[in-house]
Amino acid sequence: MLNNLIPKIFYEQLQDGLDFFVDSLGFQLLHRDETLAVVARDGAKAYVVQSPEYAAKDRPELAIETDDIQMIYAEMAARAPHLLHPNAKSLALKPWGAWEFAMRDRTSVCVIFREWPSHDRATNA
């Protein structure tokens, strides 16, 4: 049985990742050493890793699914409005049927928050 897929997100400086995930997105810091931090919120977890080499190679786009997108959007818009992604800064129903918005940090790591609505909600939107 598979339980979780936990991404590693590489940053040139570990503090940049902590600023985004802990300070801006409201994750809790579960562990930290010199080059690794484990952050979690509800059922979402990530490893934030300091590695200038890998950070230079990739700025990931991650998605987090939620069952209350309106509450998450209201919280993020109040907590860190400057990090709302310029191309997805408002809550919108996408052509593929999900409600989404996105946050992007200063290093271009992007987190998309997504809710797949029930069939009734999708047809009434």
C-alpha atoms as a PDB file:
ATOM      1  CA  MET A   1       0.000   0.000   0.000  1.00  0.00           C
ATOM      2  CA  LEU A   2       1.334   3.434  -0.964  1.00  0.00           C
ATOM      3  CA  ASN A   3       0.660   6.219   1.509  1.00  0.00           C
ATOM      4  CA  ASN A   4       2.425   9.400   0.415  1.00  0.00           C
ATOM      5  CA  LEU A   5       4.599  10.828  -2.300  1.00  0.00           C
ATOM      6  CA  ILE A   6       6.983  13.319  -0.683  1.00  0.00           C
ATOM      7  CA  PRO A   7       8.879  15.663  -2.998  1.00  0.00           C
ATOM      8  CA  LYS A   8      12.321  17.116  -2.439  1.00  0.00           C
ATOM      9  CA  ILE A   9      12.463  20.790  -3.326  1.00  0.00           C
ATOM     10  CA  PHE A  10      15.943  22.176  -3.811  1.00  0.00           C
ATOM     11  CA  TYR A  11      16.945  25.709  -2.875  1.00  0.00           C
ATOM     12  CA  GLU A  12      20.217  27.559  -3.118  1.00  0.00           C
ATOM     13  CA  GLN A  13      19.627  28.652   0.483  1.00  0.00           C
ATOM     14  CA  LEU A  14      17.541  26.523   2.858  1.00  0.00           C
ATOM     15  CA  GLN A  15      16.011  29.640   4.395  1.00  0.00           C
ATOM     16  CA  ASP A  16      14.341  30.553   1.070  1.00  0.00           C
ATOM     17  CA  GLY A  17      12.370  27.310   1.197  1.00  0.00           C
ATOM     18  CA  LEU A  18      11.455  27.806   4.842  1.00  0.00           C
ATOM     19  CA  ASP A  19      10.311  31.355   4.126  1.00  0.00           C
ATOM     20  CA  PHE A  20       7.955  30.023   1.466  1.00  0.00           C
ATOM     21  CA  PHE A  21       6.629  26.825   3.014  1.00  0.00           C
ATOM     22  CA  VAL A  22       6.601  27.733   6.720  1.00  0.00           C
ATOM     23  CA  ASP A  23       6.164  31.500   6.803  1.00  0.00           C
ATOM     24  CA  SER A  24       4.003  31.971   3.704  1.00  0.00           C
ATOM     25  CA  LEU A  25       2.117  28.694   3.231  1.00  0.00           C
ATOM     26  CA  GLY A  26       1.686  27.824   6.916  1.00  0.00           C
ATOM     27  CA  PHE A  27       3.520  24.492   6.990  1.00  0.00           C
ATOM     28  CA  GLN A  28       5.025  23.283  10.278  1.00  0.00           C
ATOM     29  CA  LEU A  29       8.722  22.593  10.596  1.00  0.00           C
ATOM     30  CA  LEU A  30       9.106  18.948  11.662  1.00  0.00           C
ATOM     31  CA  HIS A  31      12.888  18.662  11.318  1.00  0.00           C
ATOM     32  CA  ARG A  32      15.796  20.870  10.390  1.00  0.00           C
ATOM     33  CA  ASP A  33      19.524  20.399  10.096  1.00  0.00           C
ATOM     34  CA  GLU A  34      22.123  22.297   8.066  1.00  0.00           C
ATOM     35  CA  THR A  35      20.885  21.240   4.625  1.00  0.00           C
ATOM     36  CA  LEU A  36      17.484  19.573   5.108  1.00  0.00           C
ATOM     37  CA  ALA A  37      14.125  20.558   6.522  1.00  0.00           C
ATOM     38  CA  VAL A  38      10.965  18.486   6.685  1.00  0.00           C
ATOM     39  CA  VAL A  39       7.771  20.532   6.507  1.00  0.00           C
ATOM     40  CA  ALA A  40       4.157  19.394   6.777  1.00  0.00           C
ATOM     41  CA  ARG A  41       0.640  20.703   6.851  1.00  0.00           C
ATOM     42  CA  ASP A  42      -2.374  18.476   7.213  1.00  0.00           C
ATOM     43  CA  GLY A  43      -1.608  15.549   4.862  1.00  0.00           C
ATOM     44  CA  ALA A  44       0.945  17.377   2.712  1.00  0.00           C
ATOM     45  CA  LYS A  45       4.669  16.965   3.393  1.00  0.00           C
ATOM     46  CA  ALA A  46       7.871  18.041   1.635  1.00  0.00           C
ATOM     47  CA  TYR A  47      11.602  17.888   2.090  1.00  0.00           C
ATOM     48  CA  VAL A  48      13.249  21.265   1.601  1.00  0.00           C
ATOM     49  CA  VAL A  49      16.885  20.717   0.678  1.00  0.00           C
ATOM     50  CA  GLN A  50      19.765  23.159   0.349  1.00  0.00           C
ATOM     51  CA  SER A  51      21.613  22.336  -2.846  1.00  0.00           C
ATOM     52  CA  PRO A  52      22.751  25.183  -5.087  1.00  0.00           C
ATOM     53  CA  GLU A  53      23.636  22.672  -7.811  1.00  0.00           C
ATOM     54  CA  TYR A  54      20.164  21.105  -8.013  1.00  0.00           C
ATOM     55  CA  ALA A  55      18.344  24.379  -7.351  1.00  0.00           C
ATOM     56  CA  ALA A  56      19.994  25.825 -10.458  1.00  0.00           C
ATOM     57  CA  LYS A  57      18.703  22.907 -12.542  1.00  0.00           C
ATOM     58  CA  ASP A  58      15.022  22.877 -11.611  1.00  0.00           C
ATOM     59  CA  ARG A  59      12.329  25.103 -10.128  1.00  0.00           C
ATOM     60  CA  PRO A  60       9.436  22.694  -9.612  1.00  0.00           C
ATOM     61  CA  GLU A  61       5.717  23.115  -9.943  1.00  0.00           C
ATOM     62  CA  LEU A  62       3.859  21.146  -7.267  1.00  0.00           C
ATOM     63  CA  ALA A  63       0.146  20.628  -6.725  1.00  0.00           C
ATOM     64  CA  ILE A  64      -1.663  20.177  -3.437  1.00  0.00           C
ATOM     65  CA  GLU A  65      -5.229  18.942  -3.503  1.00  0.00           C
ATOM     66  CA  THR A  66      -7.678  20.230  -0.921  1.00  0.00           C
ATOM     67  CA  ASP A  67     -11.313  19.730  -0.040  1.00  0.00           C
ATOM     68  CA  ASP A  68     -11.827  23.413   0.889  1.00  0.00           C
ATOM     69  CA  ILE A  69     -10.221  25.548  -1.815  1.00  0.00           C
ATOM     70  CA  GLN A  70     -12.144  28.679  -0.815  1.00  0.00           C
ATOM     71  CA  MET A  71     -10.794  28.552   2.742  1.00  0.00           C
ATOM     72  CA  ILE A  72      -7.234  27.889   1.531  1.00  0.00           C
ATOM     73  CA  TYR A  73      -7.463  30.708  -1.018  1.00  0.00           C
ATOM     74  CA  ALA A  74      -8.747  33.178   1.588  1.00  0.00           C
ATOM     75  CA  GLU A  75      -5.939  32.196   3.962  1.00  0.00           C
ATOM     76  CA  MET A  76      -3.169  32.433   1.341  1.00  0.00           C
ATOM     77  CA  ALA A  77      -4.456  35.695  -0.117  1.00  0.00           C
ATOM     78  CA  ALA A  78      -4.415  37.205   3.386  1.00  0.00           C
ATOM     79  CA  ARG A  79      -1.148  35.566   4.511  1.00  0.00           C
ATOM     80  CA  ALA A  80       1.033  36.262   1.452  1.00  0.00           C
ATOM     81  CA  PRO A  81      -0.802  38.145  -1.310  1.00  0.00           C
ATOM     82  CA  HIS A  82       2.517  39.122  -2.909  1.00  0.00           C
ATOM     83  CA  LEU A  83       3.173  35.425  -3.634  1.00  0.00           C
ATOM     84  CA  LEU A  84      -0.019  34.773  -5.573  1.00  0.00           C
ATOM     85  CA  HIS A  85       1.129  33.610  -9.012  1.00  0.00           C
ATOM     86  CA  PRO A  86       0.608  36.378 -11.600  1.00  0.00           C
ATOM     87  CA  ASN A  87      -1.047  33.910 -14.011  1.00  0.00           C
ATOM     88  CA  ALA A  88      -3.217  32.201 -11.377  1.00  0.00           C
ATOM     89  CA  LYS A  89      -3.724  34.767  -8.617  1.00  0.00           C
ATOM     90  CA  SER A  90      -7.463  34.311  -8.332  1.00  0.00           C
ATOM     91  CA  LEU A  91      -9.526  31.239  -7.684  1.00  0.00           C
ATOM     92  CA  ALA A  92     -10.780  29.907 -11.015  1.00  0.00           C
ATOM     93  CA  LEU A  93     -12.541  26.896 -12.442  1.00  0.00           C
ATOM     94  CA  LYS A  94     -10.157  25.452 -15.021  1.00  0.00           C
ATOM     95  CA  PRO A  95     -11.234  23.792 -18.298  1.00  0.00           C
ATOM     96  CA  TRP A  96     -10.228  20.390 -16.871  1.00  0.00           C
ATOM     97  CA  GLY A  97     -12.812  20.767 -14.104  1.00  0.00           C
ATOM     98  CA  ALA A  98     -10.717  21.707 -11.055  1.00  0.00           C
ATOM     99  CA  TRP A  99     -10.842  24.885  -8.998  1.00  0.00           C
ATOM    100  CA  GLU A 100      -7.303  26.287  -8.738  1.00  0.00           C
ATOM    101  CA  PHE A 101      -5.010  29.120  -7.768  1.00  0.00           C
ATOM    102  CA  ALA A 102      -1.238  29.192  -7.374  1.00  0.00           C
ATOM    103  CA  MET A 103       1.506  30.634  -5.214  1.00  0.00           C
ATOM    104  CA  ARG A 104       5.054  31.281  -6.463  1.00  0.00           C
ATOM    105  CA  ASP A 105       8.085  32.110  -4.346  1.00  0.00           C
ATOM    106  CA  ARG A 106      10.949  34.435  -5.255  1.00  0.00           C
ATOM    107  CA  THR A 107      12.944  31.514  -6.701  1.00  0.00           C
ATOM    108  CA  SER A 108      10.038  30.493  -9.000  1.00  0.00           C
ATOM    109  CA  VAL A 109       8.943  27.397  -7.071  1.00  0.00           C
ATOM    110  CA  CYS A 110       5.218  27.145  -7.784  1.00  0.00           C
ATOM    111  CA  VAL A 111       2.550  25.477  -5.651  1.00  0.00           C
ATOM    112  CA  ILE A 112      -0.865  25.014  -7.199  1.00  0.00           C
ATOM    113  CA  PHE A 113      -3.758  24.495  -4.829  1.00  0.00           C
ATOM    114  CA  ARG A 114      -6.506  22.425  -6.440  1.00  0.00           C
ATOM    115  CA  GLU A 115      -9.945  21.099  -5.566  1.00  0.00           C
ATOM    116  CA  TRP A 116     -11.695  18.575  -7.766  1.00  0.00           C
ATOM    117  CA  PRO A 117     -15.329  19.440  -7.164  1.00  0.00           C
ATOM    118  CA  SER A 118     -18.175  16.975  -7.035  1.00  0.00           C
ATOM    119  CA  HIS A 119     -20.097  16.560 -10.278  1.00  0.00           C
ATOM    120  CA  ASP A 120     -22.944  18.742  -8.925  1.00  0.00           C
ATOM    121  CA  ARG A 121     -20.650  21.620  -8.030  1.00  0.00           C
ATOM    122  CA  ALA A 122     -18.775  21.450 -11.353  1.00  0.00           C
ATOM    123  CA  THR A 123     -21.999  21.679 -13.362  1.00  0.00           C
ATOM    124  CA  ASN A 124     -23.368  24.530 -11.223  1.00  0.00           C
ATOM    125  CA  ALA A 125     -20.220  26.667 -11.380  1.00  0.00           C
END
